[in-house]
Amino acid sequence: MKKIVAIVGPTGSGKTGLSIALAKLYGFQIINGDSVQVYKRLNIGSAKIKDEDKKGVKHHLFDIRDPKDAYTVYNFQTDVRQKIDEIDLPMIVGGTGLYIKAALYDYEFIDEKKDDDFEKNHIHLSDEALYQELLKLDPHIKIDQFNRRRVLRALEQATQGSLRSKKTNKDQLLYDALIVYLDLDRDILEDRLYTRLDQQLKDGFIKEVEDLRKDDIHINAIGYKQIDQYLDNQMSYEDMKKEIVKKSRQLAKKQKTWFKNQMQVHMIDALSPTVIDQAKILIDNFLKT
């Protein structure tokens, strides 16, 4: 099977820096594994790598969609697998667990047509009622019933005859994969998140959101959503910052649990002085086998 390395972990864990160092050492080409960084114009808030920081390393699947256009996990799966086939030494770098697993594992997607009116036609239903409607069509589904967007999509798919509970082989790898997770203590992560956010704000994060708003683009992602609320006078500047860090910490906790439960990962302390050496040992042994 084709060998592929993935560097994953929460925001602020140092994935970008490590991936560049490893890519220079081994000749990897980097494939984006972040669901926000696929979009053009979402640069500061997504912590997208700058051209001058790529150090000659080829990067793929960054800036490939206009933020007004949809880009689904199905699209990502298709694009990443194509890149893996084309690249001798591919490395996925990012933190969007479902996207990365869908690309590396035998996830089967049907490219169903999305009905723009489906959500409007079900707006009168509570979250519980919506979930019960889904259970009628797909009684064996396992899903977060409080994630309304996800339940809506599963219900729409079920009405089209595509039951998520019947999609098989989700735990079968299609590639020989080494997945390295950069772990951070939660308290240290919070400090790094505040430092990172302060720098993003200095770099023009608010202006980035303002420019998007001029084109009636509102991004439902951490940071973008809170700045949108701040610009609408729904929260103060300091509350906006606190909420961004809070949501980022919550996401990091979910990411760690998800990756540990869903994928076979090798954990490395992101702040270890030997983080590169540890990653090199893993990769050396991986490439030899």
Protein backbone atom coordinates (compact mmCIF):
# COMPACT_ATOMS: atom_id res chain seq x y z
CA MET A 1 0.00 0.00 0.00
CA LYS A 2 1.04 3.61 -0.59
CA LYS A 3 2.78 5.10 2.42
CA ILE A 4 1.51 8.37 3.83
CA VAL A 5 2.36 10.38 6.95
CA ALA A 6 -0.16 12.61 8.73
CA ILE A 7 0.69 15.29 11.30
CA VAL A 8 -2.43 16.09 13.31
CA GLY A 9 -3.38 17.88 16.51
CA PRO A 10 -5.11 20.96 17.89
CA THR A 11 -4.72 24.56 16.81
CA GLY A 12 -1.50 26.03 18.13
CA SER A 13 0.30 22.72 18.61
CA GLY A 14 3.02 23.42 16.06
CA LYS A 15 1.89 21.18 13.20
CA THR A 16 3.01 23.63 10.51
CA GLY A 17 6.53 24.11 11.82
CA LEU A 18 7.10 20.40 12.36
CA SER A 19 5.69 19.48 8.96
CA ILE A 20 7.99 21.93 7.16
CA ALA A 21 11.04 20.61 9.02
CA LEU A 22 10.15 17.01 8.19
CA ALA A 23 9.25 17.81 4.59
CA LYS A 24 12.69 19.40 4.08
CA LEU A 25 14.40 16.36 5.59
CA TYR A 26 12.51 13.63 3.71
CA GLY A 27 11.12 15.30 0.61
CA PHE A 28 7.45 15.18 1.62
CA GLN A 29 4.85 17.25 -0.20
CA ILE A 30 2.17 18.61 2.12
CA ILE A 31 -1.56 18.11 1.62
CA ASN A 32 -3.90 20.36 3.57
CA GLY A 33 -5.96 18.54 6.22
CA ASP A 34 -7.93 21.54 7.49
CA SER A 35 -11.51 22.13 6.37
CA VAL A 36 -11.18 25.94 6.55
CA GLN A 37 -7.84 26.36 4.80
CA VAL A 38 -9.26 25.01 1.54
CA TYR A 39 -10.97 28.39 1.12
CA LYS A 40 -9.49 31.50 -0.44
CA ARG A 41 -9.49 34.69 1.64
CA LEU A 42 -9.63 32.79 4.96
CA ASN A 43 -5.98 33.33 5.77
CA ILE A 44 -5.41 34.94 9.15
CA GLY A 45 -8.27 33.29 11.01
CA SER A 46 -7.40 29.83 9.72
CA ALA A 47 -3.69 30.30 10.46
CA LYS A 48 -2.93 29.39 6.86
CA ILE A 49 0.78 29.08 6.13
CA LYS A 50 2.28 32.08 4.34
CA ASP A 51 4.16 31.58 1.09
CA GLU A 52 7.42 32.78 2.61
CA ASP A 53 7.15 30.15 5.36
CA LYS A 54 6.78 27.20 2.97
CA LYS A 55 10.55 27.17 2.37
CA GLY A 56 10.19 25.62 -1.05
CA VAL A 57 7.98 22.74 0.13
CA LYS A 58 5.08 22.01 -2.23
CA HIS A 59 1.64 22.48 -0.65
CA HIS A 60 -1.63 21.14 -2.04
CA LEU A 61 -5.37 21.83 -1.53
CA PHE A 62 -4.95 25.28 -0.05
CA ASP A 63 -6.99 28.17 -1.51
CA ILE A 64 -8.93 25.95 -3.90
CA ARG A 65 -12.46 27.19 -3.19
CA ASP A 66 -14.21 30.52 -3.02
CA PRO A 67 -15.76 30.94 0.45
CA LYS A 68 -19.19 31.23 -1.17
CA ASP A 69 -18.84 27.73 -2.63
CA ALA A 70 -19.50 24.53 -0.70
CA TYR A 71 -16.69 22.07 -0.09
CA THR A 72 -17.75 18.82 1.54
CA VAL A 73 -15.95 15.90 3.11
CA TYR A 74 -16.81 14.01 -0.08
CA ASN A 75 -14.98 16.64 -2.16
CA PHE A 76 -12.03 16.49 0.21
CA GLN A 77 -11.87 12.70 0.08
CA THR A 78 -11.81 12.75 -3.72
CA ASP A 79 -9.20 15.50 -3.97
CA VAL A 80 -6.86 14.08 -1.32
CA ARG A 81 -6.89 10.58 -2.78
CA GLN A 82 -6.01 12.02 -6.18
CA LYS A 83 -3.09 13.93 -4.66
CA ILE A 84 -1.89 10.86 -2.76
CA ASP A 85 -1.78 8.95 -6.04
CA GLU A 86 0.20 11.74 -7.72
CA ILE A 87 2.77 12.42 -4.97
CA ASP A 88 5.70 10.13 -4.15
CA LEU A 89 5.89 11.10 -0.46
CA PRO A 90 2.59 12.69 0.67
CA MET A 91 2.05 14.18 4.11
CA ILE A 92 -1.35 15.37 5.35
CA VAL A 93 -1.18 18.20 7.88
CA GLY A 94 -4.23 19.48 9.75
CA GLY A 95 -6.74 18.92 12.49
CA THR A 96 -10.05 18.13 10.79
CA GLY A 97 -10.37 14.53 11.93
CA LEU A 98 -13.38 13.44 9.91
CA TYR A 99 -11.90 14.80 6.68
CA ILE A 100 -8.57 13.05 7.25
CA LYS A 101 -10.16 9.76 8.22
CA ALA A 102 -12.51 9.89 5.24
CA ALA A 103 -9.50 10.29 2.95
CA LEU A 104 -7.36 7.53 4.48
CA TYR A 105 -10.01 4.98 5.41
CA ASP A 106 -12.56 3.13 3.31
CA TYR A 107 -15.33 5.66 3.85
CA GLU A 108 -17.97 5.38 1.15
CA PHE A 109 -19.81 8.52 0.15
CA ILE A 110 -22.58 8.98 -2.34
CA ASP A 111 -22.49 12.38 -4.00
CA GLU A 112 -26.11 13.14 -3.22
CA LYS A 113 -27.69 16.31 -4.47
CA LYS A 114 -28.27 18.79 -1.68
CA ASP A 115 -31.75 20.31 -1.51
CA ASP A 116 -31.38 23.97 -0.52
CA ASP A 117 -34.97 24.02 0.75
CA PHE A 118 -34.61 20.94 2.98
CA GLU A 119 -33.56 22.91 6.05
CA LYS A 120 -36.30 25.49 5.52
CA ASN A 121 -38.91 22.75 5.26
CA HIS A 122 -37.85 21.36 8.66
CA ILE A 123 -37.25 24.60 10.52
CA HIS A 124 -40.43 24.11 12.56
CA LEU A 125 -39.11 20.90 14.11
CA SER A 126 -37.21 20.94 17.40
CA ASP A 127 -33.83 19.18 17.61
CA GLU A 128 -35.47 16.21 19.34
CA ALA A 129 -38.27 15.97 16.78
CA LEU A 130 -35.75 16.16 13.96
CA TYR A 131 -33.72 13.35 15.54
CA GLN A 132 -36.82 11.19 15.91
CA GLU A 133 -37.63 11.71 12.23
CA LEU A 134 -34.14 10.50 11.38
CA LEU A 135 -34.52 7.41 13.58
CA LYS A 136 -37.67 6.44 11.72
CA LEU A 137 -35.66 6.16 8.50
CA ASP A 138 -32.32 5.06 9.93
CA PRO A 139 -32.95 3.43 13.33
CA HIS A 140 -29.37 2.14 13.71
CA ILE A 141 -27.59 5.44 13.07
CA LYS A 142 -25.05 6.70 15.59
CA ILE A 143 -24.93 10.49 15.53
CA ASP A 144 -24.74 13.49 17.83
CA GLN A 145 -28.44 14.24 18.11
CA PHE A 146 -27.73 17.79 19.31
CA ASN A 147 -25.75 18.69 16.21
CA ARG A 148 -28.70 20.00 14.21
CA ARG A 149 -26.77 20.58 11.00
CA ARG A 150 -25.42 17.03 10.98
CA VAL A 151 -28.79 15.50 11.82
CA LEU A 152 -30.42 17.52 9.04
CA ARG A 153 -27.87 16.30 6.52
CA ALA A 154 -28.25 12.68 7.65
CA LEU A 155 -32.03 12.98 7.40
CA GLU A 156 -31.80 14.46 3.91
CA GLN A 157 -29.50 11.61 2.85
CA ALA A 158 -31.85 9.05 4.41
CA THR A 159 -34.80 10.43 2.45
CA GLN A 160 -32.69 9.87 -0.68
CA GLY A 161 -32.11 6.24 0.31
CA SER A 162 -28.55 6.65 1.62
CA LEU A 163 -28.43 5.41 5.23
CA ARG A 164 -25.33 6.41 7.13
CA SER A 165 -25.62 3.37 9.39
CA LYS A 166 -25.12 1.09 6.38
CA LYS A 167 -21.91 2.69 5.20
CA THR A 168 -19.31 0.03 5.93
CA ASN A 169 -15.55 -0.45 6.24
CA LYS A 170 -15.01 2.91 7.92
CA ASP A 171 -12.19 1.42 10.01
CA GLN A 172 -10.25 -0.15 7.14
CA LEU A 173 -7.18 1.81 6.05
CA LEU A 174 -6.64 2.18 2.32
CA TYR A 175 -3.02 3.25 2.79
CA ASP A 176 -0.03 2.38 4.94
CA ALA A 177 -0.38 5.39 7.23
CA LEU A 178 1.66 6.82 10.09
CA ILE A 179 -0.43 9.31 12.06
CA VAL A 180 1.45 11.55 14.51
CA TYR A 181 -0.62 13.53 17.03
CA LEU A 182 0.97 16.60 18.63
CA ASP A 183 -0.39 16.78 22.15
CA LEU A 184 -0.55 19.86 24.38
CA ASP A 185 -1.45 20.26 28.04
CA ARG A 186 -4.77 22.12 28.21
CA ASP A 187 -3.48 24.96 30.40
CA ILE A 188 -0.48 25.50 28.15
CA LEU A 189 -2.77 25.34 25.14
CA GLU A 190 -4.93 28.15 26.54
CA ASP A 191 -1.92 30.44 26.95
CA ARG A 192 -0.77 29.64 23.42
CA LEU A 193 -4.26 30.26 22.06
CA TYR A 194 -4.39 33.74 23.62
CA THR A 195 -0.91 34.56 22.30
CA ARG A 196 -1.85 33.26 18.87
CA LEU A 197 -5.13 35.19 18.83
CA ASP A 198 -3.46 38.43 19.86
CA GLN A 199 -1.06 38.05 16.93
CA GLN A 200 -3.92 37.25 14.53
CA LEU A 201 -5.76 40.38 15.64
CA LYS A 202 -2.61 42.45 15.13
CA ASP A 203 -2.24 40.91 11.68
CA GLY A 204 -5.73 42.07 10.68
CA PHE A 205 -8.13 39.25 11.57
CA ILE A 206 -11.00 41.69 12.13
CA LYS A 207 -10.38 43.37 8.78
CA GLU A 208 -10.37 39.94 7.13
CA VAL A 209 -13.86 39.32 8.51
CA GLU A 210 -14.99 42.83 7.57
CA ASP A 211 -13.86 42.28 3.97
CA LEU A 212 -15.80 39.02 3.83
CA ARG A 213 -18.89 40.75 5.21
CA LYS A 214 -18.74 43.30 2.40
CA ASP A 215 -19.46 40.40 0.05
CA ASP A 216 -22.13 39.05 2.40
CA ILE A 217 -19.92 36.13 3.44
CA HIS A 218 -20.29 34.91 7.00
CA ILE A 219 -18.06 32.01 8.03
CA ASN A 220 -19.38 29.60 10.65
CA ALA A 221 -15.96 28.69 12.02
CA ILE A 222 -14.26 29.46 15.32
CA GLY A 223 -12.91 32.99 15.31
CA TYR A 224 -14.82 34.14 12.26
CA LYS A 225 -18.17 33.57 13.93
CA GLN A 226 -17.22 35.41 17.13
CA ILE A 227 -15.75 38.39 15.27
CA ASP A 228 -18.96 38.53 13.22
CA GLN A 229 -20.88 38.74 16.51
CA TYR A 230 -18.52 41.42 17.81
CA LEU A 231 -19.00 43.49 14.65
CA ASP A 232 -22.76 43.13 15.13
CA ASN A 233 -22.36 44.49 18.69
CA GLN A 234 -23.49 41.20 20.17
CA MET A 235 -20.43 40.98 22.43
CA SER A 236 -17.54 43.14 23.62
CA TYR A 237 -14.00 42.90 22.29
CA GLU A 238 -12.74 41.09 25.40
CA ASP A 239 -15.72 38.74 25.47
CA MET A 240 -15.06 37.97 21.82
CA LYS A 241 -11.49 36.97 22.63
CA LYS A 242 -12.57 34.84 25.59
CA GLU A 243 -15.20 33.08 23.49
CA ILE A 244 -12.74 32.32 20.68
CA VAL A 245 -10.27 30.77 23.12
CA LYS A 246 -13.03 28.90 24.94
CA LYS A 247 -14.38 27.40 21.70
CA SER A 248 -10.85 26.58 20.54
CA ARG A 249 -10.14 24.73 23.79
CA GLN A 250 -13.39 22.80 23.52
CA LEU A 251 -12.53 21.85 19.95
CA ALA A 252 -9.04 20.73 20.99
CA LYS A 253 -10.53 18.44 23.63
CA LYS A 254 -12.91 16.92 21.07
CA GLN A 255 -10.09 16.55 18.55
CA LYS A 256 -7.90 14.62 20.97
CA THR A 257 -10.72 12.27 21.97
CA TRP A 258 -11.74 11.78 18.34
CA PHE A 259 -8.27 11.00 17.01
CA LYS A 260 -7.47 8.63 19.89
CA ASN A 261 -10.75 6.74 19.46
CA GLN A 262 -11.05 6.80 15.68
CA MET A 263 -7.48 6.40 14.43
CA GLN A 264 -4.27 4.70 15.49
CA VAL A 265 -2.14 7.68 16.46
CA HIS A 266 1.35 8.09 17.88
CA MET A 267 1.24 10.77 20.58
CA ILE A 268 4.12 13.24 20.91
CA ASP A 269 4.36 16.10 23.39
CA ALA A 270 4.23 19.16 21.14
CA LEU A 271 6.53 21.13 23.48
CA SER A 272 9.15 18.44 23.91
CA PRO A 273 12.62 19.72 22.98
CA THR A 274 13.07 16.46 21.06
CA VAL A 275 9.79 16.62 19.13
CA ILE A 276 11.54 16.57 15.73
CA ASP A 277 13.82 13.71 16.78
CA GLN A 278 10.85 11.69 18.05
CA ALA A 279 9.00 12.25 14.79
CA LYS A 280 12.11 11.28 12.80
CA ILE A 281 12.42 7.97 14.66
CA LEU A 282 8.78 7.17 13.91
CA ILE A 283 9.13 8.10 10.26
CA ASP A 284 12.45 6.29 9.79
CA ASN A 285 11.00 3.07 11.17
CA PHE A 286 7.81 3.57 9.16
CA LEU A 287 9.57 4.09 5.85
CA LYS A 288 11.81 1.05 6.39
CA THR A 289 8.93 -1.38 6.75
